[in-house]
Protein backbone atom coordinates (compact mmCIF):
# COMPACT_ATOMS: atom_id res chain seq x y z
CA MET A 1 -13.68 15.68 -10.47
CA ASN A 2 -13.06 16.12 -14.21
CA LYS A 3 -9.81 17.90 -13.34
CA ILE A 4 -8.63 14.94 -11.29
CA ARG A 5 -9.60 12.47 -14.02
CA ALA A 6 -7.62 14.51 -16.54
CA SER A 7 -4.58 14.52 -14.24
CA ILE A 8 -4.82 10.77 -13.75
CA LYS A 9 -4.95 10.27 -17.52
CA GLU A 10 -1.94 12.54 -18.05
CA PHE A 11 0.04 10.92 -15.24
CA THR A 12 -0.72 7.42 -16.48
CA HIS A 13 0.45 8.35 -19.96
CA ALA A 14 3.69 9.82 -18.58
CA LEU A 15 4.35 6.63 -16.59
CA LEU A 16 3.72 4.40 -19.60
CA GLN A 17 6.17 6.52 -21.59
CA ILE A 18 8.70 6.14 -18.73
CA ASN A 19 8.83 9.94 -18.63
CA ARG A 20 9.87 10.81 -15.09
CA THR A 21 10.21 14.53 -15.81
CA GLU A 22 6.65 14.83 -17.12
CA ALA A 23 5.27 12.70 -14.28
CA ALA A 24 7.01 14.98 -11.76
CA ARG A 25 5.63 18.08 -13.47
CA ILE A 26 2.06 16.75 -13.28
CA LEU A 27 2.31 15.89 -9.59
CA ASN A 28 3.92 19.23 -8.78
CA ARG A 29 1.19 21.11 -10.65
CA CYS A 30 -1.56 19.21 -8.84
CA TYR A 31 0.02 19.68 -5.43
CA LYS A 32 0.53 23.41 -5.95
CA SER A 33 -3.08 23.72 -7.02
CA GLU A 34 -4.68 21.79 -4.15
CA ASN A 35 -1.92 21.35 -1.53
CA ASP A 36 -3.57 18.01 -0.84
CA PHE A 37 -1.54 14.81 -0.49
CA CYS A 38 -4.75 12.74 -0.55
CA GLN A 39 -5.33 13.90 -4.12
CA LEU A 40 -1.78 13.00 -5.10
CA GLU A 41 -2.28 9.57 -3.58
CA GLN A 42 -5.44 9.13 -5.65
CA ILE A 43 -3.65 10.11 -8.86
CA ILE A 44 -0.74 7.74 -8.18
CA ARG A 45 -2.94 4.90 -6.96
CA GLU A 46 -5.42 4.99 -9.83
CA SER A 47 -2.68 5.34 -12.42
CA LEU A 48 -0.81 2.32 -11.06
CA ASP A 49 -4.07 0.37 -10.76
CA HIS A 50 -4.80 1.08 -14.43
CA ILE A 51 -1.33 0.02 -15.52
CA GLY A 52 -1.44 -3.12 -13.36
CA THR A 53 -4.82 -4.10 -14.79
CA GLY A 54 -3.51 -3.45 -18.29
CA TRP A 55 -0.58 -5.77 -17.65
CA GLU A 56 -2.92 -8.52 -16.44
CA LYS A 57 -4.88 -8.14 -19.70
CA GLY A 58 -1.72 -8.21 -21.82
CA ILE A 59 -2.00 -4.55 -22.88
CA PHE A 60 1.11 -3.23 -21.10
CA SER A 61 4.48 -4.85 -20.55
CA LEU A 62 5.95 -5.97 -17.24
CA ALA A 63 8.70 -3.40 -17.79
CA GLN A 64 6.08 -0.64 -17.89
CA VAL A 65 4.55 -1.90 -14.65
CA TYR A 66 7.96 -2.08 -12.99
CA MET A 67 9.23 1.31 -14.16
CA SER A 68 5.94 3.00 -13.29
CA GLY A 69 6.36 1.82 -9.71
CA VAL A 70 9.99 2.92 -9.62
CA ILE A 71 9.15 6.42 -10.88
CA CYS A 72 6.34 6.83 -8.35
CA GLU A 73 8.58 5.72 -5.50
CA GLN A 74 11.22 8.24 -6.56
CA LEU A 75 8.71 11.08 -6.72
CA VAL A 76 6.55 10.50 -3.69
CA ASP A 77 9.03 11.06 -0.82
CA SER A 78 9.03 14.84 -1.01
CA TYR A 79 5.26 14.93 -0.52
CA LEU A 80 5.03 12.54 2.43
CA PRO A 81 4.13 13.97 5.84
CA GLN A 82 6.85 14.31 8.46
CA ALA A 83 6.90 12.10 11.54
CA ALA A 84 5.04 13.31 14.60
CA VAL A 85 6.55 13.78 18.06
CA GLY A 86 5.67 11.32 20.80
CA PRO A 87 5.05 8.03 18.99
CA LYS A 88 2.57 5.55 20.39
CA THR A 89 4.18 2.32 21.50
CA ALA A 90 1.16 -0.02 21.53
CA PRO A 91 0.05 -2.01 19.65
CA LYS A 92 3.22 -3.44 18.14
CA ILE A 93 2.75 -3.02 14.38
CA ALA A 94 4.61 -4.45 11.40
CA ILE A 95 4.13 -3.89 7.68
CA GLY A 96 5.27 -5.88 4.66
CA VAL A 97 4.57 -6.49 0.98
CA LEU A 98 3.41 -10.03 0.27
CA GLU A 99 5.24 -11.55 -2.75
CA ASP A 100 5.23 -8.32 -4.80
CA TYR A 101 8.29 -6.07 -4.89
CA HIS A 102 6.65 -2.67 -5.40
CA SER A 103 6.94 -0.89 -2.07
CA LEU A 104 5.23 2.44 -2.88
CA GLY A 105 2.01 1.63 -1.02
CA LYS A 106 3.94 0.35 1.98
CA ARG A 107 6.09 3.46 2.09
CA ILE A 108 3.08 5.79 2.01
CA VAL A 109 1.24 3.85 4.73
CA SER A 110 4.38 3.78 6.88
CA SER A 111 4.85 7.52 6.58
CA VAL A 112 1.20 8.25 7.37
CA LEU A 113 1.30 6.06 10.48
CA ARG A 114 4.54 7.56 11.71
CA ALA A 115 3.09 11.03 11.15
CA ALA A 116 0.14 9.94 13.32
CA GLY A 117 2.56 8.94 16.07
CA TYR A 118 2.81 5.18 15.56
CA GLU A 119 6.00 3.15 15.56
CA LEU A 120 6.14 0.18 13.22
CA LEU A 121 8.50 -2.47 11.93
CA ASP A 122 9.17 -2.66 8.21
CA PHE A 123 9.50 -6.28 7.06
CA GLY A 124 10.28 -5.24 3.48
CA SER A 125 8.95 -6.47 0.13
CA GLY A 126 8.75 -9.72 -1.83
CA LEU A 127 7.86 -11.72 1.27
CA SER A 128 6.57 -15.28 1.02
CA PRO A 129 3.73 -16.32 3.36
CA GLU A 130 6.26 -18.41 5.32
CA LYS A 131 8.68 -15.49 5.67
CA ILE A 132 6.11 -12.95 6.79
CA VAL A 133 4.67 -15.40 9.34
CA THR A 134 8.14 -16.19 10.71
CA LYS A 135 8.98 -12.50 11.09
CA THR A 136 5.62 -11.72 12.65
CA ILE A 137 5.99 -14.40 15.32
CA GLU A 138 9.66 -13.65 15.90
CA HIS A 139 8.97 -9.97 16.61
CA GLN A 140 5.81 -10.66 18.68
CA VAL A 141 3.68 -8.39 16.52
CA ASP A 142 0.13 -7.43 17.55
CA LEU A 143 -1.02 -6.02 14.21
CA LEU A 144 0.25 -7.07 10.80
CA LEU A 145 -0.29 -4.77 7.83
CA ILE A 146 -0.02 -6.50 4.44
CA SER A 147 0.24 -4.66 1.13
CA THR A 148 -0.28 -6.35 -2.25
CA LEU A 149 -0.24 -5.23 -5.86
CA MET A 150 -1.67 -8.18 -7.78
CA LEU A 151 -4.58 -10.54 -7.09
CA PRO A 152 -2.48 -13.75 -6.78
CA SER A 153 -0.50 -12.09 -3.98
CA ALA A 154 -3.67 -10.87 -2.27
CA LEU A 155 -5.08 -14.38 -2.23
CA LYS A 156 -1.99 -15.57 -0.32
CA VAL A 157 -3.20 -13.57 2.70
CA ALA A 158 -5.44 -16.57 3.45
CA GLU A 159 -2.31 -18.72 3.72
CA VAL A 160 -0.71 -16.23 6.09
CA LYS A 161 -3.81 -16.24 8.27
CA GLN A 162 -3.93 -20.03 8.30
CA LYS A 163 -0.26 -20.40 9.24
CA LEU A 164 -0.63 -17.91 12.09
CA GLN A 165 -3.65 -19.78 13.42
CA HIS A 166 -1.83 -23.11 13.20
CA ALA A 167 0.98 -21.55 15.22
CA GLY A 168 -1.56 -20.57 17.89
CA GLU A 169 -1.23 -16.85 17.16
CA LYS A 170 -4.19 -14.44 17.30
CA ILE A 171 -2.52 -11.60 15.41
CA LYS A 172 -4.82 -9.12 13.69
CA ILE A 173 -4.29 -8.56 9.96
CA ILE A 174 -5.09 -5.39 8.00
CA VAL A 175 -4.70 -5.53 4.22
CA GLY A 176 -4.50 -2.97 1.44
CA GLY A 177 -3.65 -2.60 -2.23
CA ALA A 178 -5.32 -2.65 -5.60
CA PRO A 179 -7.02 -6.07 -5.35
CA PHE A 180 -8.79 -5.04 -2.14
CA ARG A 181 -9.97 -1.75 -3.63
CA LEU A 182 -11.32 -3.48 -6.71
CA ASP A 183 -13.14 -6.13 -4.66
CA PRO A 184 -14.40 -4.78 -1.31
CA GLN A 185 -15.28 -8.32 -0.14
CA LEU A 186 -11.84 -9.80 -0.85
CA GLY A 187 -10.38 -8.88 2.53
CA GLN A 188 -13.09 -10.77 4.36
CA ARG A 189 -12.73 -13.79 2.08
CA VAL A 190 -8.99 -14.15 2.76
CA GLY A 191 -9.48 -13.81 6.50
CA ALA A 192 -8.25 -10.27 7.09
CA ASP A 193 -9.65 -8.34 10.04
CA ALA A 194 -9.93 -5.16 7.98
CA ALA A 195 -9.11 -3.79 4.51
CA GLY A 196 -8.20 -0.22 3.59
CA SER A 197 -8.82 1.67 0.37
CA THR A 198 -6.25 4.42 0.93
CA ALA A 199 -3.13 4.89 3.03
CA PHE A 200 -5.04 7.26 5.29
CA ASP A 201 -7.48 4.50 6.24
CA ALA A 202 -4.68 2.80 8.17
CA VAL A 203 -4.93 5.01 11.27
CA SER A 204 -8.67 4.54 11.81
CA LEU A 205 -8.50 0.83 10.97
CA ILE A 206 -5.71 0.22 13.50
CA GLU A 207 -7.68 2.01 16.21
CA LYS A 208 -10.81 0.05 15.32
CA VAL A 209 -9.19 -3.39 14.99
CA TYR A 210 -6.97 -3.14 18.05
CA LYS A 211 -9.95 -2.35 20.26
CA THR A 212 -11.89 -5.42 19.10
């Protein structure tokens, strides 16, 4: 555990210094040591959570938050699992980032689900509640996965849920991202059917929610 904490500290420092080379070296060292993508996800997730929290407190700049996300997105692709053969076709799943523009979490979840054999639509990032609802109804989605980075965006899930209900839709919503990890009750408060802590939670949550 101390080894992981040290790696998170090192990786966070590299991100704040906008040092892509050092960040890549740290991830490569950790992956060679453990050959475990879950550990890499933890390092990336906790580092970005720390930087995002620091921005909210006025410690770090918005540029540091933005560039940290960009660096992580550039580095993560080579570690993502490959897609499985024989994708499942039901339920119909879509994923999108509500209001925020960082797509790292969405990309990891998408790759994990495709590796598990699921097909899904990617609605993109920076979506308003109106836009994500319109897309969801237009594509006749059964399960909507919503990723957020900041608390104000996470709170807008309640608006998405309300708009879907007003449209007479009974679409299930699964949420994820830093705000939902920091507050385990937040997902329930905004009306989500389930909330995940890691990308790998998505598979079990989809199976659980779709059966209910």
